[in-house]
Amino acid sequence: KTFTLSLWLKRAVLGHKPAGDDEYLAGQGSDARYHFAGDTLRFMFESSSTELESSRVYRDSSAWYHIVLAVDTTQGTAANRVKLYINGVQEAWSNTEYPDQNAESDWMNTNDLYIGTKWASNTSGEGDNDLSGYLSEVVLLDGTAASPTSFGEFDSDSGIWKPIDVSGINFGSQGFYLNFSNPSSSGEDFSGNDNDLLDSNLSAADHSTDTPTNNFCTLNP
């Protein structure tokens, strides 16, 4: 019923991929989807009847986006059950297909959770829906719908939204923290829970020093 997924993302491919497939941030079961639909963000809680889409597009491939999805279906007000934040600011959804109060779904349930691709089965991800870009500071909180200030803050000099230390946060039993500091195991969990994710099609060469606090120049595609 309640969880938060926070991650930093720098996009590499805008719009749909060549085959027309969507790029996934996460997936857990056939009806638990979180992905780009071209350049908007879509989140499906349990079926197409609970699919929310951002009201604006995200096309800046030169900057890092901090994206926070906070879900709490125990809330009495529908609009408070799924919140999206970009760089510390709450974003509007273009529709109102919120989950019912106290609803449960495949999210945080028994299916395997995939980061950066779509769930295909409990043994594989869907390669056609792989994310094209860089990920950093991926945090999953189990049992908490957190605000973006749990993960970032505005720099006092530049005013730019930047990551903060999350080591003292309550991750919950299924929560994890991926800081990607181990090139041989991108999915190593540094939350203390040891909820490690298995790498798929990743190697040490896929690690980059382009980070939210050391942003490299990027050619505009």
Protein backbone atom coordinates (compact mmCIF):
# COMPACT_ATOMS: atom_id res chain seq x y z
CA LYS A 1 0.00 0.00 0.00
CA THR A 2 2.84 2.39 0.81
CA PHE A 3 6.29 2.86 -0.75
CA THR A 4 8.64 5.41 -2.33
CA LEU A 5 11.00 5.04 -5.27
CA SER A 6 13.61 7.78 -5.62
CA LEU A 7 16.23 7.89 -8.36
CA TRP A 8 18.44 10.27 -10.31
CA LEU A 9 18.29 9.93 -14.09
CA LYS A 10 20.11 11.46 -17.04
CA ARG A 11 18.33 10.57 -20.26
CA ALA A 12 20.24 9.43 -23.35
CA VAL A 13 17.43 8.77 -25.86
CA LEU A 14 14.44 11.08 -26.19
CA GLY A 15 11.03 10.06 -27.48
CA HIS A 16 10.28 6.42 -28.17
CA LYS A 17 13.05 3.95 -28.93
CA PRO A 18 13.49 2.95 -32.61
CA ALA A 19 11.13 0.00 -32.26
CA GLY A 20 8.53 2.20 -30.59
CA ASP A 21 9.00 0.61 -27.16
CA ASP A 22 8.75 2.57 -23.92
CA GLU A 23 11.74 2.99 -21.61
CA TYR A 24 11.05 1.64 -18.13
CA LEU A 25 12.22 2.99 -14.82
CA ALA A 26 10.79 0.00 -12.96
CA GLY A 27 8.35 -2.89 -13.26
CA GLN A 28 7.02 -5.56 -10.91
CA GLY A 29 4.37 -7.75 -12.45
CA SER A 30 2.41 -7.35 -15.67
CA ASP A 31 0.23 -4.53 -14.31
CA ALA A 32 2.81 -2.72 -12.18
CA ARG A 33 4.55 -0.34 -14.58
CA TYR A 34 6.56 2.87 -14.34
CA HIS A 35 7.99 4.20 -17.58
CA PHE A 36 8.44 6.97 -20.10
CA ALA A 37 5.70 7.19 -22.72
CA GLY A 38 7.83 9.02 -25.24
CA ASP A 39 8.78 11.98 -23.04
CA THR A 40 6.04 11.93 -20.40
CA LEU A 41 6.13 9.69 -17.33
CA ARG A 42 3.46 7.06 -16.73
CA PHE A 43 2.75 5.05 -13.58
CA MET A 44 0.36 2.10 -13.47
CA PHE A 45 -0.55 0.89 -9.97
CA GLU A 46 -2.50 -2.25 -10.80
CA SER A 47 -4.17 -2.01 -14.24
CA SER A 48 -4.89 0.42 -17.06
CA SER A 49 -7.68 1.86 -14.91
CA THR A 50 -5.06 3.16 -12.47
CA GLU A 51 -2.59 4.62 -14.97
CA LEU A 52 -1.41 8.17 -14.27
CA GLU A 53 0.54 10.30 -16.75
CA SER A 54 2.58 13.43 -16.09
CA SER A 55 1.17 16.65 -17.48
CA ARG A 56 4.49 17.76 -18.96
CA VAL A 57 7.40 16.23 -20.85
CA TYR A 58 11.02 15.70 -19.79
CA ARG A 59 13.37 16.26 -22.72
CA ASP A 60 16.54 17.69 -21.16
CA SER A 61 19.31 15.22 -21.95
CA SER A 62 22.04 17.49 -20.55
CA ALA A 63 20.85 17.53 -16.93
CA TRP A 64 20.11 15.04 -14.18
CA TYR A 65 16.49 14.64 -13.12
CA HIS A 66 15.69 13.65 -9.55
CA ILE A 67 12.45 11.66 -9.80
CA VAL A 68 10.50 10.66 -6.69
CA LEU A 69 7.37 8.51 -6.82
CA ALA A 70 5.55 8.34 -3.46
CA VAL A 71 2.61 5.91 -3.14
CA ASP A 72 0.24 5.62 -0.16
CA THR A 73 -3.15 4.11 -0.93
CA THR A 74 -4.26 4.46 2.71
CA GLN A 75 -4.89 8.17 2.07
CA GLY A 76 -8.55 9.23 2.06
CA THR A 77 -7.97 11.90 -0.60
CA ALA A 78 -7.37 10.25 -3.97
CA ALA A 79 -4.86 12.85 -5.17
CA ASN A 80 -2.64 12.09 -2.15
CA ARG A 81 -2.28 8.39 -3.01
CA VAL A 82 0.30 8.79 -5.80
CA LYS A 83 2.61 11.79 -5.93
CA LEU A 84 5.36 12.60 -8.45
CA TYR A 85 8.21 14.99 -7.70
CA ILE A 86 10.85 16.26 -10.12
CA ASN A 87 13.89 18.05 -8.68
CA GLY A 88 12.14 18.70 -5.39
CA VAL A 89 8.89 20.05 -6.85
CA GLN A 90 5.59 18.17 -7.02
CA GLU A 91 4.39 17.54 -10.58
CA ALA A 92 0.80 17.41 -11.78
CA TRP A 93 -0.80 14.37 -13.37
CA SER A 94 -2.79 14.96 -16.55
CA ASN A 95 -5.54 12.55 -15.42
CA THR A 96 -7.10 11.30 -12.19
CA GLU A 97 -6.96 7.50 -12.41
CA TYR A 98 -5.79 7.01 -8.83
CA PRO A 99 -5.93 3.62 -7.08
CA ASP A 100 -8.76 2.95 -4.65
CA GLN A 101 -8.21 3.58 -0.97
CA ASN A 102 -6.20 0.77 0.69
CA ALA A 103 -5.67 -0.93 -2.68
CA GLU A 104 -2.82 -3.41 -3.11
CA SER A 105 -1.13 -4.56 -6.29
CA ASP A 106 1.98 -6.28 -7.65
CA TRP A 107 4.09 -3.39 -6.37
CA MET A 108 6.02 -4.48 -3.26
CA ASN A 109 4.46 -7.93 -3.60
CA THR A 110 5.87 -11.36 -4.51
CA ASN A 111 6.96 -10.74 -8.11
CA ASP A 112 10.57 -9.83 -8.83
CA LEU A 113 11.21 -6.09 -9.04
CA TYR A 114 13.09 -4.77 -12.08
CA ILE A 115 14.92 -1.44 -12.23
CA GLY A 116 15.65 0.02 -15.66
CA THR A 117 13.51 -2.43 -17.60
CA LYS A 118 10.03 -3.96 -17.79
CA TRP A 119 8.99 -7.06 -15.88
CA ALA A 120 8.54 -10.04 -18.22
CA SER A 121 8.37 -12.93 -15.75
CA ASN A 122 9.85 -13.82 -12.40
CA THR A 123 12.99 -14.97 -14.16
CA SER A 124 13.58 -12.31 -16.80
CA GLY A 125 13.19 -8.68 -17.80
CA GLU A 126 11.88 -7.34 -21.10
CA GLY A 127 14.94 -6.24 -23.06
CA ASP A 128 12.98 -4.19 -25.60
CA ASN A 129 11.98 -1.82 -22.79
CA ASP A 130 15.42 -1.19 -21.31
CA LEU A 131 16.14 2.32 -20.08
CA SER A 132 18.60 4.39 -22.15
CA GLY A 133 20.49 6.70 -19.83
CA TYR A 134 22.36 6.96 -16.56
CA LEU A 135 21.00 6.06 -13.12
CA SER A 136 22.34 7.22 -9.77
CA GLU A 137 21.29 7.08 -6.11
CA VAL A 138 18.37 4.64 -6.50
CA VAL A 139 16.42 4.30 -3.25
CA LEU A 140 13.35 2.20 -2.48
CA LEU A 141 11.52 2.76 0.81
CA ASP A 142 9.15 0.03 1.95
CA GLY A 143 6.24 1.29 4.08
CA THR A 144 6.94 5.04 3.74
CA ALA A 145 5.63 7.67 1.32
CA ALA A 146 8.47 10.16 1.61
CA SER A 147 8.91 13.72 0.39
CA PRO A 148 11.84 14.64 -1.90
CA THR A 149 13.63 16.37 1.00
CA SER A 150 14.45 12.88 2.30
CA PHE A 151 16.78 12.49 -0.70
CA GLY A 152 17.82 15.97 -1.84
CA GLU A 153 18.09 19.67 -1.10
CA PHE A 154 18.59 22.98 -2.88
CA ASP A 155 22.20 24.12 -2.86
CA SER A 156 22.50 27.35 -0.88
CA ASP A 157 24.87 28.93 -3.41
CA SER A 158 23.63 27.77 -6.82
CA GLY A 159 20.00 26.97 -6.02
CA ILE A 160 20.42 23.65 -7.88
CA TRP A 161 18.69 20.57 -6.46
CA LYS A 162 21.35 18.08 -5.30
CA PRO A 163 21.44 14.67 -3.55
CA ILE A 164 22.01 14.29 0.18
CA ASP A 165 23.22 11.43 2.38
CA VAL A 166 20.43 8.85 2.78
CA SER A 167 22.31 6.40 4.98
CA GLY A 168 20.21 7.18 8.06
CA ILE A 169 16.81 6.82 6.42
CA ASN A 170 14.29 4.08 7.31
CA PHE A 171 14.34 1.79 4.27
CA GLY A 172 11.81 -0.77 5.55
CA SER A 173 12.19 -4.54 5.19
CA GLN A 174 12.08 -4.66 1.37
CA GLY A 175 13.83 -1.33 0.83
CA PHE A 176 17.26 -0.90 -0.73
CA TYR A 177 19.85 1.73 -1.68
CA LEU A 178 21.90 1.44 -4.87
CA ASN A 179 24.83 3.86 -5.05
CA PHE A 180 26.63 1.89 -7.80
CA SER A 181 30.00 2.18 -6.09
CA ASN A 182 30.84 -1.46 -6.82
CA PRO A 183 31.59 -1.80 -10.57
CA SER A 184 31.37 -5.58 -10.41
CA SER A 185 27.91 -5.56 -8.81
CA SER A 186 25.68 -2.63 -9.78
CA GLY A 187 22.80 -4.06 -7.78
CA GLU A 188 24.60 -4.20 -4.44
CA ASP A 189 22.35 -2.86 -1.69
CA PHE A 190 23.98 -0.36 0.68
CA SER A 191 20.93 0.15 2.92
CA GLY A 192 22.01 -2.52 5.37
CA ASN A 193 19.16 -4.83 4.30
CA ASP A 194 21.28 -6.82 1.82
CA ASN A 195 18.41 -6.72 -0.68
CA ASP A 196 20.85 -7.00 -3.59
CA LEU A 197 19.56 -6.90 -7.16
CA LEU A 198 21.06 -9.12 -9.85
CA ASP A 199 22.82 -7.38 -12.74
CA SER A 200 21.61 -8.04 -16.27
CA ASN A 201 23.62 -6.96 -19.34
CA LEU A 202 25.82 -4.71 -17.19
CA SER A 203 29.57 -4.66 -16.73
CA ALA A 204 32.19 -2.41 -15.18
CA ALA A 205 32.38 -0.54 -18.51
CA ASP A 206 28.78 0.61 -17.99
CA HIS A 207 29.76 2.63 -14.92
CA SER A 208 30.38 6.34 -15.46
CA THR A 209 31.75 9.25 -13.46
CA ASP A 210 28.96 11.45 -14.87
CA THR A 211 26.88 11.95 -11.71
CA PRO A 212 24.35 14.44 -10.28
CA THR A 213 27.22 16.23 -8.49
CA ASN A 214 29.67 15.97 -11.43
CA ASN A 215 27.50 16.57 -14.49
CA PHE A 216 29.31 16.17 -17.83
CA CYS A 217 28.57 18.28 -20.90
CA THR A 218 26.29 16.47 -23.35
CA LEU A 219 25.64 17.09 -27.04
CA ASN A 220 22.00 17.98 -27.66
CA PRO A 221 20.50 15.18 -29.81
